[in-house]
Structures are given as structure tokens and as C-alpha cells.
């Protein structure tokens, strides 16, 4: 999957997300991450983290609005 992602890819792109989910199917629901998880490289450097429930929905909403204000072209 790493090869399919672009360098420094960020933001939410529903079409891209759907395409990646179709390309890299989870065989069972148990394979989906539902608990805090770190993705590390071979040297132990954190590449990504998944922290469900850490940020309140209101904070997430406000953060997106602030980014849209700062970067209106995205």
C-alpha cells in the first residue's frame, strides 16, 4: 500500500480513499484498526498513528473550517 500513496499525501479525498479501499481489501472486519496503533519503519521512526476518539468531533470540525479558511483553494 505504501507504494500506492503519494509522498506527503494529506487531506481527505473521498474518491482516492475509495480507490485505495477497493485495491487493498480487508478480508475480515477484525483486520480494521479500532484501537490506538503506531506504524513504525525498520528503525523505529513513527510513520503514522491511529488514535480513535482522541479529538472531539467539535475540535475536528473547527480544525477543518480553520484550514479551509487558511487554504481556500483546496
PDB file of N, CA and C in Angstrom:
ATOM      1  N   UNK A   1       0.821  -1.189   0.000  1.00  0.00           N
ATOM      2  CA  UNK A   1       0.000   0.000   0.000  1.00  0.00           C
ATOM      3  C   UNK A   1       0.867   1.255   0.000  1.00  0.00           C
ATOM      4  N   UNK A   2       2.041   1.185   0.626  1.00  0.00           N
ATOM      5  CA  UNK A   2       2.909   2.359   0.708  1.00  0.00           C
ATOM      6  C   UNK A   2       3.268   2.884  -0.677  1.00  0.00           C
ATOM      7  N   UNK A   3       3.475   1.964  -1.627  1.00  0.00           N
ATOM      8  CA  UNK A   3       3.830   2.387  -2.983  1.00  0.00           C
ATOM      9  C   UNK A   3       2.673   3.126  -3.669  1.00  0.00           C
ATOM     10  N   UNK A   4       1.441   2.860  -3.231  1.00  0.00           N
ATOM     11  CA  UNK A   4       0.268   3.476  -3.853  1.00  0.00           C
ATOM     12  C   UNK A   4       0.021   4.891  -3.352  1.00  0.00           C
ATOM     13  N   UNK A   5       0.582   5.225  -2.201  1.00  0.00           N
ATOM     14  CA  UNK A   5       0.376   6.559  -1.638  1.00  0.00           C
ATOM     15  C   UNK A   5       1.445   7.514  -2.146  1.00  0.00           C
ATOM     16  N   UNK A   6       1.053   8.739  -2.379  1.00  0.00           N
ATOM     17  CA  UNK A   6       1.996   9.752  -2.821  1.00  0.00           C
ATOM     18  C   UNK A   6       2.839  10.272  -1.669  1.00  0.00           C
ATOM     19  N   UNK A   7       3.955  10.874  -1.977  1.00  0.00           N
ATOM     20  CA  UNK A   7       4.820  11.461  -0.965  1.00  0.00           C
ATOM     21  C   UNK A   7       4.106  12.612  -0.275  1.00  0.00           C
ATOM     22  N   UNK A   8       4.121  12.602   1.049  1.00  0.00           N
ATOM     23  CA  UNK A   8       3.489  13.654   1.854  1.00  0.00           C
ATOM     24  C   UNK A   8       2.022  13.850   1.519  1.00  0.00           C
ATOM     25  N   UNK A   9       1.332  12.795   1.170  1.00  0.00           N
ATOM     26  CA  UNK A   9      -0.092  12.893   0.841  1.00  0.00           C
ATOM     27  C   UNK A   9      -0.874  13.226   2.102  1.00  0.00           C
ATOM     28  N   UNK A  10      -1.760  14.188   2.007  1.00  0.00           N
ATOM     29  CA  UNK A  10      -2.567  14.585   3.155  1.00  0.00           C
ATOM     30  C   UNK A  10      -3.946  15.003   2.662  1.00  0.00           C
ATOM     31  N   UNK A  11      -4.778  15.431   3.594  1.00  0.00           N
ATOM     32  CA  UNK A  11      -6.129  15.879   3.286  1.00  0.00           C
ATOM     33  C   UNK A  11      -7.039  14.667   3.103  1.00  0.00           C
ATOM     34  N   UNK A  12      -8.305  14.898   2.892  1.00  0.00           N
ATOM     35  CA  UNK A  12      -9.261  13.815   2.678  1.00  0.00           C
ATOM     36  C   UNK A  12      -9.770  13.900   1.253  1.00  0.00           C
ATOM     37  N   UNK A  13      -9.613  12.817   0.538  1.00  0.00           N
ATOM     38  CA  UNK A  13     -10.060  12.727  -0.839  1.00  0.00           C
ATOM     39  C   UNK A  13     -10.916  11.467  -0.928  1.00  0.00           C
ATOM     40  N   UNK A  14     -12.236  11.640  -0.930  1.00  0.00           N
ATOM     41  CA  UNK A  14     -13.162  10.506  -0.887  1.00  0.00           C
ATOM     42  C   UNK A  14     -12.953   9.543  -2.061  1.00  0.00           C
ATOM     43  N   UNK A  15     -12.703  10.066  -3.249  1.00  0.00           N
ATOM     44  CA  UNK A  15     -12.502   9.216  -4.423  1.00  0.00           C
ATOM     45  C   UNK A  15     -11.230   8.391  -4.252  1.00  0.00           C
ATOM     46  N   UNK A  16     -10.155   9.051  -3.818  1.00  0.00           N
ATOM     47  CA  UNK A  16      -8.862   8.368  -3.603  1.00  0.00           C
ATOM     48  C   UNK A  16      -8.994   7.322  -2.501  1.00  0.00           C
ATOM     49  N   UNK A  17      -9.675   7.682  -1.418  1.00  0.00           N
ATOM     50  CA  UNK A  17      -9.866   6.756  -0.308  1.00  0.00           C
ATOM     51  C   UNK A  17     -10.636   5.513  -0.757  1.00  0.00           C
ATOM     52  N   UNK A  18     -11.686   5.708  -1.538  1.00  0.00           N
ATOM     53  CA  UNK A  18     -12.487   4.585  -2.043  1.00  0.00           C
ATOM     54  C   UNK A  18     -11.634   3.684  -2.940  1.00  0.00           C
ATOM     55  N   UNK A  19     -10.831   4.293  -3.812  1.00  0.00           N
ATOM     56  CA  UNK A  19      -9.989   3.518  -4.719  1.00  0.00           C
ATOM     57  C   UNK A  19      -8.967   2.684  -3.945  1.00  0.00           C
ATOM     58  N   UNK A  20      -8.377   3.269  -2.894  1.00  0.00           N
ATOM     59  CA  UNK A  20      -7.404   2.526  -2.093  1.00  0.00           C
ATOM     60  C   UNK A  20      -8.076   1.393  -1.317  1.00  0.00           C
ATOM     61  N   UNK A  21      -9.281   1.653  -0.790  1.00  0.00           N
ATOM     62  CA  UNK A  21     -10.002   0.602  -0.067  1.00  0.00           C
ATOM     63  C   UNK A  21     -10.366  -0.551  -0.991  1.00  0.00           C
ATOM     64  N   UNK A  22     -10.698  -0.252  -2.239  1.00  0.00           N
ATOM     65  CA  UNK A  22     -11.022  -1.300  -3.202  1.00  0.00           C
ATOM     66  C   UNK A  22      -9.765  -2.070  -3.621  1.00  0.00           C
ATOM     67  N   UNK A  23      -8.660  -1.373  -3.700  1.00  0.00           N
ATOM     68  CA  UNK A  23      -7.409  -2.008  -4.121  1.00  0.00           C
ATOM     69  C   UNK A  23      -6.802  -2.861  -3.007  1.00  0.00           C
ATOM     70  N   UNK A  24      -6.921  -2.409  -1.759  1.00  0.00           N
ATOM     71  CA  UNK A  24      -6.346  -3.108  -0.616  1.00  0.00           C
ATOM     72  C   UNK A  24      -7.464  -3.531   0.322  1.00  0.00           C
ATOM     73  N   UNK A  25      -8.191  -4.565  -0.090  1.00  0.00           N
ATOM     74  CA  UNK A  25      -9.352  -5.042   0.663  1.00  0.00           C
ATOM     75  C   UNK A  25      -8.942  -5.682   1.980  1.00  0.00           C
ATOM     76  N   UNK A  26      -9.715  -5.395   3.026  1.00  0.00           N
ATOM     77  CA  UNK A  26      -9.559  -6.103   4.296  1.00  0.00           C
ATOM     78  C   UNK A  26     -10.390  -7.373   4.195  1.00  0.00           C
ATOM     79  N   UNK A  27      -9.797  -8.497   4.537  1.00  0.00           N
ATOM     80  CA  UNK A  27     -10.501  -9.776   4.409  1.00  0.00           C
ATOM     81  C   UNK A  27     -11.593  -9.934   5.455  1.00  0.00           C
ATOM     82  N   UNK A  28     -11.355  -9.403   6.637  1.00  0.00           N
ATOM     83  CA  UNK A  28     -12.322  -9.503   7.725  1.00  0.00           C
ATOM     84  C   UNK A  28     -12.360  -8.173   8.467  1.00  0.00           C
ATOM     85  N   UNK A  29     -13.466  -7.902   9.131  1.00  0.00           N
ATOM     86  CA  UNK A  29     -13.576  -6.674   9.914  1.00  0.00           C
ATOM     87  C   UNK A  29     -12.528  -6.622  11.020  1.00  0.00           C
ATOM     88  N   UNK A  30     -12.068  -7.791  11.487  1.00  0.00           N
ATOM     89  CA  UNK A  30     -11.067  -7.803  12.553  1.00  0.00           C
ATOM     90  C   UNK A  30      -9.748  -7.175  12.105  1.00  0.00           C
ATOM     91  N   UNK A  31      -9.541  -7.085  10.794  1.00  0.00           N
ATOM     92  CA  UNK A  31      -8.293  -6.518  10.292  1.00  0.00           C
ATOM     93  C   UNK A  31      -8.299  -4.994  10.310  1.00  0.00           C
ATOM     94  N   UNK A  32      -9.459  -4.389  10.519  1.00  0.00           N
ATOM     95  CA  UNK A  32      -9.531  -2.938  10.594  1.00  0.00           C
ATOM     96  C   UNK A  32      -9.052  -2.472  11.962  1.00  0.00           C
ATOM     97  N   UNK A  33      -8.358  -1.351  12.000  1.00  0.00           N
ATOM     98  CA  UNK A  33      -7.815  -0.847  13.258  1.00  0.00           C
ATOM     99  C   UNK A  33      -8.876  -0.075  14.027  1.00  0.00           C
ATOM    100  N   UNK A  34      -9.160  -0.526  15.232  1.00  0.00           N
ATOM    101  CA  UNK A  34     -10.156   0.125  16.077  1.00  0.00           C
ATOM    102  C   UNK A  34      -9.564   0.518  17.421  1.00  0.00           C
ATOM    103  N   UNK A  35      -8.255   0.393  17.549  1.00  0.00           N
ATOM    104  CA  UNK A  35      -7.602   0.764  18.798  1.00  0.00           C
ATOM    105  C   UNK A  35      -6.357   1.583  18.460  1.00  0.00           C
ATOM    106  N   UNK A  36      -5.817   2.330  19.427  1.00  0.00           N
ATOM    107  CA  UNK A  36      -4.618   3.128  19.139  1.00  0.00           C
ATOM    108  C   UNK A  36      -3.505   2.264  18.557  1.00  0.00           C
ATOM    109  N   UNK A  37      -2.919   2.750  17.469  1.00  0.00           N
ATOM    110  CA  UNK A  37      -1.927   1.967  16.742  1.00  0.00           C
ATOM    111  C   UNK A  37      -0.837   2.882  16.191  1.00  0.00           C
ATOM    112  N   UNK A  38       0.403   2.400  16.196  1.00  0.00           N
ATOM    113  CA  UNK A  38       1.520   3.107  15.578  1.00  0.00           C
ATOM    114  C   UNK A  38       2.037   2.284  14.414  1.00  0.00           C
ATOM    115  N   UNK A  39       2.424   2.969  13.343  1.00  0.00           N
ATOM    116  CA  UNK A  39       3.080   2.333  12.212  1.00  0.00           C
ATOM    117  C   UNK A  39       4.520   2.825  12.221  1.00  0.00           C
ATOM    118  N   UNK A  40       5.469   1.890  12.410  1.00  0.00           N
ATOM    119  CA  UNK A  40       6.879   2.247  12.528  1.00  0.00           C
ATOM    120  C   UNK A  40       7.670   1.721  11.344  1.00  0.00           C
ATOM    121  N   UNK A  41       8.756   2.422  11.006  1.00  0.00           N
ATOM    122  CA  UNK A  41       9.641   1.877   9.973  1.00  0.00           C
ATOM    123  C   UNK A  41      10.636   0.922  10.639  1.00  0.00           C
ATOM    124  N   UNK A  42      11.590   0.417   9.878  1.00  0.00           N
ATOM    125  CA  UNK A  42      12.531  -0.584  10.403  1.00  0.00           C
ATOM    126  C   UNK A  42      13.416  -0.046  11.516  1.00  0.00           C
ATOM    127  N   UNK A  43      13.604   1.270  11.558  1.00  0.00           N
ATOM    128  CA  UNK A  43      14.466   1.857  12.583  1.00  0.00           C
ATOM    129  C   UNK A  43      13.681   2.346  13.791  1.00  0.00           C
ATOM    130  N   UNK A  44      12.354   2.200  13.763  1.00  0.00           N
ATOM    131  CA  UNK A  44      11.529   2.613  14.893  1.00  0.00           C
ATOM    132  C   UNK A  44      10.968   4.018  14.786  1.00  0.00           C
ATOM    133  N   UNK A  45      11.161   4.665  13.646  1.00  0.00           N
ATOM    134  CA  UNK A  45      10.612   6.002  13.434  1.00  0.00           C
ATOM    135  C   UNK A  45       9.116   5.879  13.153  1.00  0.00           C
ATOM    136  N   UNK A  46       8.322   6.708  13.825  1.00  0.00           N
ATOM    137  CA  UNK A  46       6.873   6.673  13.633  1.00  0.00           C
ATOM    138  C   UNK A  46       6.531   7.248  12.263  1.00  0.00           C
ATOM    139  N   UNK A  47       5.849   6.440  11.433  1.00  0.00           N
ATOM    140  CA  UNK A  47       5.400   6.879  10.118  1.00  0.00           C
ATOM    141  C   UNK A  47       3.967   7.393  10.172  1.00  0.00           C
ATOM    142  N   UNK A  48       3.151   6.777  11.005  1.00  0.00           N
ATOM    143  CA  UNK A  48       1.753   7.166  11.121  1.00  0.00           C
ATOM    144  C   UNK A  48       1.214   6.650  12.448  1.00  0.00           C
ATOM    145  N   UNK A  49       0.162   7.282  12.909  1.00  0.00           N
ATOM    146  CA  UNK A  49      -0.505   6.787  14.103  1.00  0.00           C
ATOM    147  C   UNK A  49      -2.007   6.909  13.913  1.00  0.00           C
ATOM    148  N   UNK A  50      -2.720   6.008  14.584  1.00  0.00           N
ATOM    149  CA  UNK A  50      -4.182   5.984  14.538  1.00  0.00           C
ATOM    150  C   UNK A  50      -4.652   6.068  15.984  1.00  0.00           C
ATOM    151  N   UNK A  51      -5.312   7.165  16.336  1.00  0.00           N
ATOM    152  CA  UNK A  51      -5.745   7.392  17.707  1.00  0.00           C
ATOM    153  C   UNK A  51      -7.245   7.697  17.728  1.00  0.00           C
ATOM    154  N   UNK A  52      -8.067   6.664  17.587  1.00  0.00           N
ATOM    155  CA  UNK A  52      -9.518   6.888  17.524  1.00  0.00           C
ATOM    156  C   UNK A  52     -10.058   7.488  18.817  1.00  0.00           C
ATOM    157  N   UNK A  53     -10.923   8.486  18.649  1.00  0.00           N
ATOM    158  CA  UNK A  53     -11.585   9.096  19.797  1.00  0.00           C
ATOM    159  C   UNK A  53     -10.760  10.097  20.569  1.00  0.00           C
ATOM    160  N   UNK A  54      -9.542  10.401  20.123  1.00  0.00           N
ATOM    161  CA  UNK A  54      -8.686  11.331  20.865  1.00  0.00           C
ATOM    162  C   UNK A  54      -9.169  12.769  20.713  1.00  0.00           C
ATOM    163  N   UNK A  55      -9.578  13.143  19.511  1.00  0.00           N
ATOM    164  CA  UNK A  55     -10.028  14.508  19.265  1.00  0.00           C
ATOM    165  C   UNK A  55     -11.555  14.552  19.241  1.00  0.00           C
ATOM    166  N   UNK A  56     -12.114  15.492  19.989  1.00  0.00           N
ATOM    167  CA  UNK A  56     -13.560  15.670  19.980  1.00  0.00           C
ATOM    168  C   UNK A  56     -14.035  16.058  18.587  1.00  0.00           C
ATOM    169  N   UNK A  57     -15.240  15.653  18.234  1.00  0.00           N
ATOM    170  CA  UNK A  57     -15.817  15.967  16.921  1.00  0.00           C
ATOM    171  C   UNK A  57     -15.828  17.472  16.669  1.00  0.00           C
ATOM    172  N   UNK A  58     -16.141  18.250  17.704  1.00  0.00           N
ATOM    173  CA  UNK A  58     -16.190  19.705  17.547  1.00  0.00           C
ATOM    174  C   UNK A  58     -14.815  20.264  17.188  1.00  0.00           C
ATOM    175  N   UNK A  59     -13.770  19.734  17.829  1.00  0.00           N
ATOM    176  CA  UNK A  59     -12.410  20.176  17.537  1.00  0.00           C
ATOM    177  C   UNK A  59     -12.033  19.822  16.103  1.00  0.00           C
ATOM    178  N   UNK A  60     -12.389  18.614  15.664  1.00  0.00           N
ATOM    179  CA  UNK A  60     -12.111  18.205  14.295  1.00  0.00           C
ATOM    180  C   UNK A  60     -12.826  19.119  13.302  1.00  0.00           C
ATOM    181  N   UNK A  61     -14.102  19.393  13.562  1.00  0.00           N
ATOM    182  CA  UNK A  61     -14.894  20.260  12.691  1.00  0.00           C
ATOM    183  C   UNK A  61     -14.269  21.651  12.608  1.00  0.00           C
ATOM    184  N   UNK A  62     -13.920  22.209  13.776  1.00  0.00           N
ATOM    185  CA  UNK A  62     -13.328  23.549  13.803  1.00  0.00           C
ATOM    186  C   UNK A  62     -11.973  23.580  13.108  1.00  0.00           C
ATOM    187  N   UNK A  63     -11.193  22.528  13.256  1.00  0.00           N
ATOM    188  CA  UNK A  63      -9.886  22.461  12.597  1.00  0.00           C
ATOM    189  C   UNK A  63     -10.035  22.461  11.082  1.00  0.00           C
ATOM    190  N   UNK A  64     -10.999  21.698  10.584  1.00  0.00           N
ATOM    191  CA  UNK A  64     -11.244  21.657   9.140  1.00  0.00           C
ATOM    192  C   UNK A  64     -11.682  23.031   8.650  1.00  0.00           C
ATOM    193  N   UNK A  65     -12.567  23.673   9.383  1.00  0.00           N
ATOM    194  CA  UNK A  65     -13.019  25.024   8.990  1.00  0.00           C
ATOM    195  C   UNK A  65     -11.859  26.008   8.970  1.00  0.00           C
ATOM    196  N   UNK A  66     -10.978  25.923   9.961  1.00  0.00           N
ATOM    197  CA  UNK A  66      -9.828  26.829  10.004  1.00  0.00           C
ATOM    198  C   UNK A  66      -8.892  26.579   8.822  1.00  0.00           C
ATOM    199  N   UNK A  67      -8.669  25.316   8.476  1.00  0.00           N
ATOM    200  CA  UNK A  67      -7.826  25.009   7.332  1.00  0.00           C
ATOM    201  C   UNK A  67      -8.456  25.482   6.033  1.00  0.00           C
ATOM    202  N   UNK A  68      -9.776  25.338   5.924  1.00  0.00           N
ATOM    203  CA  UNK A  68     -10.465  25.815   4.722  1.00  0.00           C
ATOM    204  C   UNK A  68     -10.353  27.337   4.610  1.00  0.00           C
ATOM    205  N   UNK A  69     -10.359  28.017   5.748  1.00  0.00           N
ATOM    206  CA  UNK A  69     -10.199  29.469   5.734  1.00  0.00           C
ATOM    207  C   UNK A  69      -8.776  29.846   5.306  1.00  0.00           C
ATOM    208  N   UNK A  70      -7.771  29.124   5.835  1.00  0.00           N
ATOM    209  CA  UNK A  70      -6.378  29.424   5.516  1.00  0.00           C
ATOM    210  C   UNK A  70      -5.994  29.014   4.101  1.00  0.00           C
ATOM    211  N   UNK A  71      -6.603  27.933   3.602  1.00  0.00           N
ATOM    212  CA  UNK A  71      -6.280  27.404   2.283  1.00  0.00           C
ATOM    213  C   UNK A  71      -7.565  27.219   1.483  1.00  0.00           C
ATOM    214  N   UNK A  72      -8.177  28.302   1.020  1.00  0.00           N
ATOM    215  CA  UNK A  72      -9.481  28.217   0.358  1.00  0.00           C
ATOM    216  C   UNK A  72      -9.467  27.477  -0.975  1.00  0.00           C
ATOM    217  N   UNK A  73      -8.311  27.316  -1.609  1.00  0.00           N
ATOM    218  CA  UNK A  73      -8.248  26.659  -2.915  1.00  0.00           C
ATOM    219  C   UNK A  73      -8.280  25.144  -2.832  1.00  0.00           C
ATOM    220  N   UNK A  74      -8.114  24.584  -1.664  1.00  0.00           N
ATOM    221  CA  UNK A  74      -8.080  23.102  -1.532  1.00  0.00           C
ATOM    222  C   UNK A  74      -9.444  22.536  -1.448  1.00  0.00           C
TER     223      UNK A  74
END
